[in-house]
Amino acid sequence: MARKYKHLGARLRLVLGPDIAIGPGKVDLLEQVQETGSIAEAGRTLGMSYKRAWQLISTMNDAFKAPVVVTSRGGASKGGATLTAFGEDLLKRYRRIQAQTERVVGPDLEHLTSQLANGCDET
């Protein structure tokens, strides 16, 4: 499904329990931590404060049996953050579920957006 408007589509939020949901914000944060090796840099890249980024990571770490992200303290080595094996698995599974969801809902989204009075030709 080729969409001209970048914001069209389903936004997948997996509610895994009363105190934990995984959605685009947390998953994007995990990807940025994986890419940058830093919670602060990941947050900056996504336009969120370090405090907010840390809160999201902490929520995920507290919710699961195994941590999602581990950190090392600063100093000469400047510290950092990395996804654990479970964090990488969580990220992979979310992206797989997201791709499957987009394939399933794509035709209906195309139909519904074609029925909009103002269209959706923005890029």
Protein backbone atom coordinates (compact mmCIF):
# COMPACT_ATOMS: atom_id res chain seq x y z
CA MET A 1 0.00 0.00 0.00
CA ALA A 2 1.70 3.18 -1.14
CA ARG A 3 0.49 6.05 1.00
CA LYS A 4 1.16 9.63 0.02
CA TYR A 5 0.46 11.07 3.47
CA LYS A 6 3.00 9.88 6.01
CA HIS A 7 0.62 9.88 8.99
CA LEU A 8 -1.96 7.51 7.54
CA GLY A 9 -2.19 4.02 8.92
CA ALA A 10 -2.78 2.06 12.07
CA ARG A 11 -0.89 2.94 15.25
CA LEU A 12 -0.31 -0.33 17.03
CA ARG A 13 -0.43 -0.36 20.83
CA LEU A 14 -0.04 -3.71 22.54
CA VAL A 15 -1.66 -3.74 25.96
CA LEU A 16 0.19 -6.52 27.74
CA GLY A 17 -1.15 -5.99 31.24
CA PRO A 18 -2.73 -3.42 33.54
CA ASP A 19 0.55 -1.53 33.94
CA ILE A 20 2.29 -2.04 30.60
CA ALA A 21 1.57 -1.21 27.00
CA ILE A 22 4.05 -1.10 24.15
CA GLY A 23 3.40 1.29 21.32
CA PRO A 24 5.15 3.43 18.73
CA GLY A 25 6.79 5.80 21.23
CA LYS A 26 8.44 3.12 23.33
CA VAL A 27 9.46 1.09 20.30
CA ASP A 28 10.96 4.12 18.56
CA LEU A 29 12.86 4.87 21.78
CA LEU A 30 14.22 1.32 21.90
CA GLU A 31 15.36 1.60 18.29
CA GLN A 32 17.14 4.86 19.02
CA VAL A 33 18.83 3.42 22.11
CA GLN A 34 19.98 0.54 19.93
CA GLU A 35 21.32 2.94 17.29
CA THR A 36 22.90 5.55 19.56
CA GLY A 37 23.88 3.58 22.65
CA SER A 38 22.49 6.40 24.78
CA ILE A 39 19.16 7.10 26.45
CA ALA A 40 19.85 10.85 26.38
CA GLU A 41 20.72 10.84 22.68
CA ALA A 42 17.76 8.59 21.88
CA GLY A 43 15.46 11.01 23.67
CA ARG A 44 16.94 14.05 21.92
CA THR A 45 16.53 12.36 18.54
CA LEU A 46 12.85 11.79 19.29
CA GLY A 47 12.29 15.25 20.79
CA MET A 48 11.76 14.06 24.35
CA SER A 49 13.54 14.95 27.54
CA TYR A 50 16.04 12.63 29.16
CA LYS A 51 13.66 12.32 32.11
CA ARG A 52 10.80 11.17 29.87
CA ALA A 53 13.02 8.75 27.97
CA TRP A 54 14.33 7.31 31.23
CA GLN A 55 10.76 6.97 32.60
CA LEU A 56 9.70 4.98 29.55
CA ILE A 57 12.75 2.71 29.77
CA SER A 58 12.21 2.26 33.51
CA THR A 59 8.55 1.36 32.98
CA MET A 60 9.52 -1.33 30.50
CA ASN A 61 12.35 -2.66 32.66
CA ASP A 62 10.04 -2.89 35.68
CA ALA A 63 7.19 -4.56 33.78
CA PHE A 64 9.04 -7.54 32.38
CA LYS A 65 10.84 -10.44 34.05
CA ALA A 66 14.06 -9.46 32.30
CA PRO A 67 15.28 -5.90 31.64
CA VAL A 68 14.81 -4.39 28.21
CA VAL A 69 17.71 -1.92 28.44
CA VAL A 70 20.84 -2.00 30.60
CA THR A 71 22.99 1.02 31.34
CA SER A 72 26.57 1.56 32.34
CA ARG A 73 27.74 4.49 34.42
CA GLY A 74 29.59 7.45 32.95
CA GLY A 75 33.17 8.47 33.61
CA ALA A 76 36.09 8.05 31.25
CA SER A 77 34.14 5.58 29.12
CA LYS A 78 31.13 7.98 28.99
CA GLY A 79 28.66 5.27 30.00
CA GLY A 80 25.87 4.18 27.73
CA ALA A 81 22.81 2.05 27.23
CA THR A 82 22.21 -1.14 25.28
CA LEU A 83 19.25 -3.33 24.55
CA THR A 84 19.34 -6.70 26.22
CA ALA A 85 18.63 -9.88 24.27
CA PHE A 86 15.06 -9.60 25.54
CA GLY A 87 14.90 -5.94 24.45
CA GLU A 88 16.00 -6.90 20.95
CA ASP A 89 13.41 -9.68 20.90
CA LEU A 90 10.67 -7.28 22.08
CA LEU A 91 11.59 -4.81 19.35
CA LYS A 92 11.66 -7.52 16.65
CA ARG A 93 8.33 -9.00 17.71
CA TYR A 94 6.60 -5.61 17.87
CA ARG A 95 7.84 -4.69 14.38
CA ARG A 96 6.71 -8.07 13.04
CA ILE A 97 3.23 -7.65 14.57
CA GLN A 98 3.12 -4.10 13.19
CA ALA A 99 3.96 -5.27 9.66
CA GLN A 100 1.31 -8.00 9.85
CA THR A 101 -1.26 -5.48 11.09
CA GLU A 102 -0.48 -3.07 8.25
CA ARG A 103 -0.91 -5.83 5.67
CA VAL A 104 -4.28 -6.81 7.11
CA VAL A 105 -5.76 -3.33 7.56
CA GLY A 106 -4.16 -1.78 4.45
CA PRO A 107 -6.99 -2.39 1.99
CA ASP A 108 -9.61 -1.06 4.41
CA LEU A 109 -7.51 2.03 5.18
CA GLU A 110 -7.08 2.69 1.46
CA HIS A 111 -10.83 2.42 0.95
CA LEU A 112 -11.69 4.65 3.91
CA THR A 113 -9.15 7.33 3.00
CA SER A 114 -10.44 7.34 -0.58
CA GLN A 115 -13.83 8.33 0.86
CA LEU A 116 -12.54 11.41 2.71
CA ALA A 117 -14.11 14.68 1.58
CA ASN A 118 -10.77 16.52 1.46
CA GLY A 119 -8.63 13.62 0.23
CA CYS A 120 -5.19 12.77 1.53
CA ASP A 121 -2.70 13.74 -1.15
CA GLU A 122 -0.25 15.51 1.22
CA THR A 123 3.31 14.24 1.33
